[in-house]
N, C-alpha and C. Protein backbone atom coordinates (compact mmCIF):
# COMPACT_ATOMS: atom_id res chain seq x y z
N MET A 1 104.47 82.54 132.43
CA MET A 1 103.21 82.54 133.01
C MET A 1 102.03 83.28 132.31
N ILE A 2 102.40 84.28 131.65
CA ILE A 2 101.38 85.05 130.89
C ILE A 2 100.88 84.25 129.66
N ILE A 3 101.81 83.37 129.09
CA ILE A 3 101.30 82.53 127.98
C ILE A 3 100.33 81.56 128.39
N SER A 4 100.56 80.88 129.57
CA SER A 4 99.39 79.97 130.04
C SER A 4 98.19 80.62 130.39
N LEU A 5 98.29 81.83 130.97
CA LEU A 5 97.04 82.50 131.27
C LEU A 5 96.30 82.87 130.06
N MET A 6 97.01 83.38 128.99
CA MET A 6 96.29 83.73 127.78
C MET A 6 95.77 82.51 127.00
N ASN A 7 96.42 81.35 127.21
CA ASN A 7 95.92 80.07 126.65
C ASN A 7 94.60 79.75 127.32
N SER A 8 94.51 79.91 128.61
CA SER A 8 93.22 79.44 129.26
C SER A 8 92.12 80.60 128.90
N LEU A 9 92.44 81.83 128.73
CA LEU A 9 91.48 82.81 128.38
C LEU A 9 91.10 82.59 127.00
N LEU A 10 91.89 82.36 126.15
CA LEU A 10 91.56 82.23 124.65
C LEU A 10 90.64 80.91 124.54
N THR A 11 90.88 79.92 125.31
CA THR A 11 89.96 78.77 125.22
C THR A 11 88.53 79.27 125.46
N GLY A 12 88.32 80.09 126.34
CA GLY A 12 86.94 80.56 126.62
C GLY A 12 86.37 81.41 125.42
N LEU A 13 87.20 81.82 124.55
CA LEU A 13 86.71 82.68 123.39
C LEU A 13 86.07 81.61 122.33
N ASN A 14 86.47 80.41 122.53
CA ASN A 14 85.80 79.39 121.46
C ASN A 14 84.45 79.11 121.76
N GLU A 15 84.00 79.47 122.89
CA GLU A 15 82.52 79.24 123.24
C GLU A 15 81.81 80.27 122.61
N ASN A 16 80.48 79.85 122.13
CA ASN A 16 79.61 80.96 121.69
C ASN A 16 78.75 81.62 122.75
N ASN A 17 79.45 82.16 123.70
CA ASN A 17 78.78 82.91 124.83
C ASN A 17 79.32 84.32 124.76
N GLU A 18 78.38 85.29 124.45
CA GLU A 18 78.85 86.69 124.23
C GLU A 18 79.19 87.28 125.57
N GLU A 19 78.47 86.97 126.58
CA GLU A 19 78.85 87.54 127.94
C GLU A 19 80.17 87.06 128.43
N LEU A 20 80.48 85.78 128.15
CA LEU A 20 81.85 85.35 128.54
C LEU A 20 82.91 85.98 127.72
N ALA A 21 82.65 86.20 126.39
CA ALA A 21 83.64 86.87 125.56
C ALA A 21 83.93 88.29 126.08
N LYS A 22 82.82 89.04 126.46
CA LYS A 22 82.96 90.49 126.99
C LYS A 22 83.87 90.39 128.25
N ARG A 23 83.60 89.45 129.10
CA ARG A 23 84.39 89.37 130.40
C ARG A 23 85.91 89.07 130.09
N ILE A 24 86.11 88.09 129.05
CA ILE A 24 87.46 87.79 128.71
C ILE A 24 88.16 89.00 128.09
N PHE A 25 87.55 89.79 127.12
CA PHE A 25 88.21 90.89 126.64
C PHE A 25 88.45 91.96 127.65
N ALA A 26 87.52 92.16 128.64
CA ALA A 26 87.76 93.14 129.67
C ALA A 26 88.94 92.76 130.47
N LEU A 27 89.03 91.48 130.90
CA LEU A 27 90.17 90.97 131.72
C LEU A 27 91.43 91.06 130.90
N CYS A 28 91.49 90.75 129.68
CA CYS A 28 92.65 90.87 128.73
C CYS A 28 92.97 92.41 128.66
N ASP A 29 92.10 93.26 128.68
CA ASP A 29 92.39 94.70 128.54
C ASP A 29 93.13 95.11 129.89
N LYS A 30 92.65 94.65 131.00
CA LYS A 30 93.17 95.04 132.31
C LYS A 30 94.66 94.60 132.36
N ILE A 31 94.84 93.26 131.86
CA ILE A 31 96.16 92.81 132.01
C ILE A 31 97.20 93.48 131.04
N SER A 32 96.63 93.82 129.78
CA SER A 32 97.41 94.66 128.87
C SER A 32 97.83 95.90 129.48
N LYS A 33 96.90 96.61 130.07
CA LYS A 33 97.20 97.94 130.65
C LYS A 33 98.19 97.87 131.82
N LYS A 34 98.15 96.82 132.58
CA LYS A 34 99.09 96.57 133.66
C LYS A 34 100.51 96.24 133.24
N TYR A 35 100.54 95.17 132.32
CA TYR A 35 101.83 94.60 131.85
C TYR A 35 102.37 95.14 130.65
N GLY A 36 101.59 95.72 129.67
CA GLY A 36 101.90 96.17 128.38
C GLY A 36 101.27 95.27 127.27
N TYR A 37 100.80 96.03 126.26
CA TYR A 37 100.23 95.30 125.07
C TYR A 37 101.19 94.32 124.48
N ILE A 38 102.47 94.67 124.35
CA ILE A 38 103.44 93.92 123.66
C ILE A 38 103.62 92.42 124.32
N TRP A 39 103.43 92.38 125.64
CA TRP A 39 103.57 91.17 126.36
C TRP A 39 102.30 90.28 126.10
N VAL A 40 101.20 90.82 126.16
CA VAL A 40 99.99 90.08 125.92
C VAL A 40 99.79 89.68 124.50
N ASP A 41 100.09 90.60 123.54
CA ASP A 41 100.06 90.28 122.08
C ASP A 41 100.96 89.08 121.91
N GLY A 42 102.24 89.27 122.45
CA GLY A 42 103.21 88.18 122.12
C GLY A 42 102.73 86.76 122.75
N ALA A 43 102.12 86.93 123.91
CA ALA A 43 101.59 85.55 124.47
C ALA A 43 100.50 84.99 123.62
N VAL A 44 99.69 85.78 123.01
CA VAL A 44 98.61 85.35 122.17
C VAL A 44 99.23 84.73 120.86
N TRP A 45 100.16 85.38 120.35
CA TRP A 45 100.77 84.91 119.12
C TRP A 45 101.62 83.59 119.42
N VAL A 46 102.18 83.50 120.55
CA VAL A 46 102.83 82.13 120.89
C VAL A 46 101.82 81.00 120.96
N ASN A 47 100.61 81.38 121.57
CA ASN A 47 99.52 80.35 121.60
C ASN A 47 98.99 80.02 120.36
N ILE A 48 98.86 80.94 119.35
CA ILE A 48 98.36 80.70 118.09
C ILE A 48 99.26 79.72 117.33
N LEU A 49 100.56 79.94 117.56
CA LEU A 49 101.63 79.03 116.84
C LEU A 49 101.75 77.75 117.52
N LYS A 50 101.50 77.57 118.85
CA LYS A 50 101.77 76.29 119.53
C LYS A 50 100.52 75.48 119.72
N SER A 51 99.36 76.08 119.84
CA SER A 51 98.14 75.36 120.26
C SER A 51 97.11 75.45 119.09
N SER A 52 96.82 74.40 118.59
CA SER A 52 95.75 74.31 117.54
C SER A 52 94.34 74.71 118.03
N LYS A 53 94.08 74.40 119.35
CA LYS A 53 92.72 74.61 119.84
C LYS A 53 92.40 76.01 120.08
N VAL A 54 93.39 76.94 120.07
CA VAL A 54 93.18 78.34 120.34
C VAL A 54 93.53 79.25 119.08
N LYS A 55 93.77 78.66 117.94
CA LYS A 55 94.19 79.53 116.83
C LYS A 55 93.05 80.45 116.38
N ILE A 56 91.85 79.97 116.21
CA ILE A 56 90.68 80.75 115.88
C ILE A 56 90.41 81.82 116.92
N ALA A 57 90.48 81.42 118.21
CA ALA A 57 90.24 82.35 119.25
C ALA A 57 91.26 83.43 119.29
N GLY A 58 92.52 83.12 118.97
CA GLY A 58 93.63 84.07 119.03
C GLY A 58 93.40 85.13 117.87
N PHE A 59 93.02 84.70 116.75
CA PHE A 59 92.69 85.55 115.69
C PHE A 59 91.44 86.44 115.97
N LYS A 60 90.46 85.85 116.61
CA LYS A 60 89.32 86.60 117.08
C LYS A 60 89.85 87.78 118.01
N TYR A 61 90.71 87.34 119.02
CA TYR A 61 91.31 88.35 119.95
C TYR A 61 92.01 89.49 119.18
N PHE A 62 92.81 89.12 118.23
CA PHE A 62 93.61 90.20 117.44
C PHE A 62 92.64 91.04 116.71
N MET A 63 91.50 90.50 116.07
CA MET A 63 90.68 91.33 115.24
C MET A 63 89.96 92.33 116.16
N LYS A 64 89.49 91.90 117.24
CA LYS A 64 88.75 92.86 118.13
C LYS A 64 89.71 93.81 118.73
N VAL A 65 90.89 93.37 119.26
CA VAL A 65 91.73 94.34 120.03
C VAL A 65 92.34 95.41 119.02
N PHE A 66 92.72 94.96 117.83
CA PHE A 66 93.22 95.94 116.77
C PHE A 66 92.28 96.91 116.43
N LYS A 67 90.95 96.39 116.16
CA LYS A 67 89.90 97.34 115.80
C LYS A 67 89.75 98.37 117.01
N ASP A 68 89.72 97.89 118.19
CA ASP A 68 89.52 98.76 119.30
C ASP A 68 90.61 99.85 119.57
N ARG A 69 91.84 99.43 119.19
CA ARG A 69 93.03 100.19 119.46
C ARG A 69 93.01 101.26 118.16
N ASP A 70 92.49 101.08 117.19
CA ASP A 70 92.51 102.05 115.99
C ASP A 70 91.55 103.15 116.23
N LYS A 71 90.62 103.00 117.22
CA LYS A 71 89.57 104.07 117.45
C LYS A 71 90.24 105.32 118.08
């Protein structure tokens, strides 16, 4: 279930809409806090490996999330 949810959210990161990206990252953060980062990160990684349309968005997600976690 979380893999499909992350696939749909990552698709939105392909758009060049900064407001939409902020909302997606906020939602992903809420999901990560509730279920754990390991599950969300794993779901993003599965989508990167399986779906060519979300590869770039998945790497965008990891770049932002890892940068925010290092703070």
